[in-house]
N, C-alpha and C. Protein backbone atom coordinates (compact mmCIF):
# COMPACT_ATOMS: atom_id res chain seq x y z
N MET A 1 -1.40 -13.79 -2.79
CA MET A 1 -1.30 -13.39 -1.42
C MET A 1 -0.56 -12.05 -1.35
N ARG A 2 -1.01 -11.21 -0.42
CA ARG A 2 -0.44 -9.88 -0.31
C ARG A 2 -0.15 -9.55 1.16
N LEU A 3 1.04 -9.02 1.40
CA LEU A 3 1.45 -8.57 2.73
C LEU A 3 1.77 -7.08 2.63
N GLU A 4 1.17 -6.31 3.50
CA GLU A 4 1.43 -4.87 3.51
C GLU A 4 1.78 -4.46 4.94
N ILE A 5 2.92 -3.80 5.07
CA ILE A 5 3.34 -3.27 6.36
C ILE A 5 3.37 -1.75 6.24
N ILE A 6 2.62 -1.11 7.12
CA ILE A 6 2.59 0.34 7.17
C ILE A 6 3.32 0.76 8.43
N ILE A 7 4.30 1.65 8.27
CA ILE A 7 5.10 2.12 9.40
C ILE A 7 4.74 3.59 9.65
N ASP A 8 4.40 3.89 10.88
CA ASP A 8 4.02 5.24 11.28
C ASP A 8 5.14 6.22 10.93
N ARG A 9 4.80 7.25 10.19
CA ARG A 9 5.81 8.25 9.78
C ARG A 9 6.47 8.92 10.98
N LYS A 10 5.77 8.97 12.10
CA LYS A 10 6.32 9.59 13.32
C LYS A 10 7.54 8.81 13.83
N LYS A 11 7.66 7.56 13.44
CA LYS A 11 8.80 6.73 13.85
C LYS A 11 10.07 7.11 13.10
N GLN A 12 9.92 7.90 12.04
CA GLN A 12 11.04 8.40 11.23
C GLN A 12 11.97 7.28 10.74
N VAL A 13 11.36 6.25 10.18
CA VAL A 13 12.12 5.16 9.58
C VAL A 13 12.49 5.60 8.17
N SER A 14 13.76 5.50 7.85
CA SER A 14 14.23 6.00 6.55
C SER A 14 13.70 5.16 5.40
N PRO A 15 13.58 5.77 4.23
CA PRO A 15 13.16 5.02 3.04
C PRO A 15 14.11 3.87 2.72
N ASP A 16 15.40 4.03 3.01
CA ASP A 16 16.37 2.95 2.78
C ASP A 16 16.06 1.73 3.64
N ILE A 17 15.69 1.96 4.89
CA ILE A 17 15.36 0.85 5.78
C ILE A 17 14.06 0.18 5.33
N MET A 18 13.07 0.98 4.94
CA MET A 18 11.81 0.39 4.47
C MET A 18 12.04 -0.44 3.21
N ALA A 19 12.88 0.05 2.30
CA ALA A 19 13.18 -0.70 1.07
C ALA A 19 13.93 -1.98 1.38
N ALA A 20 14.89 -1.91 2.32
CA ALA A 20 15.64 -3.10 2.70
C ALA A 20 14.73 -4.13 3.36
N LEU A 21 13.81 -3.67 4.20
CA LEU A 21 12.85 -4.58 4.84
C LEU A 21 11.98 -5.25 3.78
N GLU A 22 11.50 -4.48 2.84
CA GLU A 22 10.66 -5.04 1.77
C GLU A 22 11.41 -6.11 0.98
N GLN A 23 12.66 -5.84 0.63
CA GLN A 23 13.45 -6.80 -0.13
C GLN A 23 13.72 -8.07 0.68
N GLU A 24 14.02 -7.91 1.96
CA GLU A 24 14.29 -9.08 2.79
C GLU A 24 13.02 -9.92 2.98
N LEU A 25 11.89 -9.25 3.16
CA LEU A 25 10.63 -9.99 3.28
C LEU A 25 10.32 -10.75 2.00
N LEU A 26 10.52 -10.11 0.85
CA LEU A 26 10.30 -10.80 -0.42
C LEU A 26 11.19 -12.04 -0.53
N LYS A 27 12.44 -11.89 -0.13
CA LYS A 27 13.38 -13.00 -0.21
C LYS A 27 12.99 -14.14 0.74
N GLN A 28 12.74 -13.81 1.99
CA GLN A 28 12.44 -14.83 2.99
C GLN A 28 11.05 -15.45 2.81
N LEU A 29 10.06 -14.62 2.59
CA LEU A 29 8.69 -15.13 2.47
C LEU A 29 8.46 -15.81 1.13
N GLY A 30 9.20 -15.39 0.10
CA GLY A 30 9.07 -15.99 -1.22
C GLY A 30 9.45 -17.46 -1.23
N ARG A 31 10.26 -17.87 -0.28
CA ARG A 31 10.63 -19.29 -0.18
C ARG A 31 9.43 -20.15 0.18
N HIS A 32 8.53 -19.60 0.97
CA HIS A 32 7.33 -20.33 1.41
C HIS A 32 6.12 -20.03 0.53
N PHE A 33 6.07 -18.79 0.02
CA PHE A 33 4.92 -18.33 -0.74
C PHE A 33 5.42 -17.63 -2.02
N PRO A 34 5.69 -18.39 -3.08
CA PRO A 34 6.27 -17.82 -4.30
C PRO A 34 5.42 -16.72 -4.94
N ASP A 35 4.11 -16.72 -4.70
CA ASP A 35 3.23 -15.73 -5.33
C ASP A 35 3.00 -14.49 -4.47
N ILE A 36 3.73 -14.33 -3.38
CA ILE A 36 3.47 -13.24 -2.44
C ILE A 36 3.87 -11.88 -3.02
N GLN A 37 3.07 -10.89 -2.71
CA GLN A 37 3.37 -9.49 -3.04
C GLN A 37 3.59 -8.78 -1.71
N VAL A 38 4.68 -8.01 -1.63
CA VAL A 38 5.03 -7.33 -0.38
C VAL A 38 5.11 -5.84 -0.62
N ARG A 39 4.56 -5.08 0.31
CA ARG A 39 4.65 -3.62 0.25
C ARG A 39 4.97 -3.12 1.65
N VAL A 40 5.98 -2.26 1.76
CA VAL A 40 6.32 -1.59 3.01
C VAL A 40 6.27 -0.10 2.72
N ALA A 41 5.47 0.63 3.49
CA ALA A 41 5.28 2.05 3.22
C ALA A 41 5.05 2.82 4.50
N GLY A 42 5.20 4.11 4.42
CA GLY A 42 4.90 4.98 5.54
C GLY A 42 3.42 5.31 5.56
N GLY A 43 2.92 5.60 6.74
CA GLY A 43 1.51 5.95 6.88
C GLY A 43 1.27 6.66 8.19
N SER A 44 0.00 6.82 8.55
CA SER A 44 -0.34 7.54 9.77
C SER A 44 -0.39 6.63 11.00
N ASN A 45 -0.41 5.33 10.80
CA ASN A 45 -0.45 4.35 11.88
C ASN A 45 0.41 3.15 11.52
N MET A 46 0.74 2.34 12.53
CA MET A 46 1.42 1.07 12.28
C MET A 46 0.35 0.04 11.91
N ALA A 47 0.63 -0.77 10.90
CA ALA A 47 -0.34 -1.79 10.50
C ALA A 47 0.36 -2.93 9.77
N LEU A 48 -0.19 -4.12 9.93
CA LEU A 48 0.23 -5.31 9.20
C LEU A 48 -1.04 -5.89 8.59
N ASN A 49 -1.12 -5.86 7.26
CA ASN A 49 -2.29 -6.36 6.55
C ASN A 49 -1.90 -7.55 5.68
N ILE A 50 -2.64 -8.63 5.83
CA ILE A 50 -2.41 -9.83 5.01
C ILE A 50 -3.73 -10.16 4.34
N THR A 51 -3.70 -10.25 3.03
CA THR A 51 -4.92 -10.56 2.29
C THR A 51 -4.69 -11.77 1.39
N ARG A 52 -5.81 -12.39 1.02
CA ARG A 52 -5.81 -13.57 0.15
C ARG A 52 -4.97 -14.70 0.74
N ALA A 53 -5.14 -14.94 2.05
CA ALA A 53 -4.41 -16.01 2.73
C ALA A 53 -5.34 -16.71 3.72
N SER A 54 -5.10 -17.98 3.92
CA SER A 54 -5.88 -18.73 4.91
C SER A 54 -5.43 -18.33 6.31
N LYS A 55 -6.18 -18.74 7.30
CA LYS A 55 -5.83 -18.45 8.69
C LYS A 55 -4.44 -19.00 9.03
N GLU A 56 -4.17 -20.22 8.58
CA GLU A 56 -2.87 -20.85 8.85
C GLU A 56 -1.74 -20.10 8.15
N GLU A 57 -1.99 -19.67 6.91
CA GLU A 57 -0.97 -18.90 6.17
C GLU A 57 -0.70 -17.57 6.85
N LYS A 58 -1.76 -16.92 7.34
CA LYS A 58 -1.59 -15.65 8.05
C LYS A 58 -0.75 -15.83 9.30
N GLU A 59 -1.02 -16.89 10.04
CA GLU A 59 -0.25 -17.15 11.26
C GLU A 59 1.22 -17.38 10.93
N LEU A 60 1.50 -18.16 9.89
CA LEU A 60 2.88 -18.41 9.48
C LEU A 60 3.54 -17.12 9.01
N LEU A 61 2.83 -16.32 8.23
CA LEU A 61 3.38 -15.06 7.75
C LEU A 61 3.74 -14.14 8.92
N GLU A 62 2.86 -14.05 9.90
CA GLU A 62 3.14 -13.20 11.06
C GLU A 62 4.40 -13.66 11.78
N GLU A 63 4.56 -14.97 11.94
CA GLU A 63 5.77 -15.52 12.58
C GLU A 63 7.01 -15.19 11.76
N LEU A 64 6.93 -15.36 10.44
CA LEU A 64 8.09 -15.10 9.59
C LEU A 64 8.45 -13.62 9.56
N VAL A 65 7.46 -12.75 9.54
CA VAL A 65 7.73 -11.30 9.58
C VAL A 65 8.42 -10.96 10.88
N GLN A 66 7.96 -11.53 11.98
CA GLN A 66 8.59 -11.28 13.28
C GLN A 66 10.06 -11.74 13.27
N GLU A 67 10.33 -12.89 12.69
CA GLU A 67 11.70 -13.39 12.61
C GLU A 67 12.59 -12.46 11.78
N VAL A 68 12.07 -11.99 10.65
CA VAL A 68 12.84 -11.07 9.80
C VAL A 68 13.15 -9.81 10.59
N TRP A 69 12.15 -9.26 11.28
CA TRP A 69 12.36 -8.03 12.04
C TRP A 69 13.38 -8.23 13.16
N GLU A 70 13.30 -9.37 13.84
CA GLU A 70 14.22 -9.65 14.94
C GLU A 70 15.65 -9.86 14.45
N ASN A 71 15.83 -10.23 13.20
CA ASN A 71 17.16 -10.42 12.62
C ASN A 71 17.56 -9.23 11.76
N ALA A 72 17.17 -8.05 12.17
CA ALA A 72 17.40 -6.83 11.38
C ALA A 72 18.87 -6.58 11.09
N GLU A 73 19.76 -7.01 11.98
CA GLU A 73 21.18 -6.75 11.75
C GLU A 73 21.69 -7.43 10.48
N SER A 74 20.98 -8.45 10.01
CA SER A 74 21.43 -9.16 8.81
C SER A 74 21.00 -8.48 7.51
N TRP A 75 20.00 -7.59 7.55
CA TRP A 75 19.51 -6.96 6.32
C TRP A 75 19.47 -5.44 6.37
N MET A 76 19.49 -4.86 7.55
CA MET A 76 19.35 -3.41 7.66
C MET A 76 20.61 -2.70 7.16
N PRO A 77 20.42 -1.68 6.32
CA PRO A 77 21.60 -0.96 5.82
C PRO A 77 22.32 -0.26 6.97
N GLU A 78 23.63 -0.15 6.84
CA GLU A 78 24.40 0.48 7.88
C GLU A 78 24.15 1.97 7.87
N SER A 79 24.12 2.54 9.05
CA SER A 79 23.89 3.98 9.19
C SER A 79 25.18 4.74 8.85
N ASN A 80 25.00 5.88 8.21
CA ASN A 80 26.14 6.74 7.90
C ASN A 80 26.46 7.69 9.03
N VAL A 81 25.69 7.59 10.11
CA VAL A 81 25.90 8.47 11.26
C VAL A 81 26.99 7.87 12.14
N ALA A 82 27.97 8.68 12.52
CA ALA A 82 29.06 8.19 13.35
C ALA A 82 28.78 8.40 14.80
């Protein structure tokens, strides 16, 4: 199973945040799907792609990704900007 999140470069999300999101997704989703591959990268559009998963697995993955994003304060690196 593969999960790919593409974040629009215009949103100016730092590489540190994308790496932290990828690591948190691997940690959280790996509990349910040990074989999952996760990729978070910049691109020209926002996208969430899930491959090699059943409809039910896709629905669960979407819910779990939403939960991880909503709990960003627990995994997002602290900003060095004062």
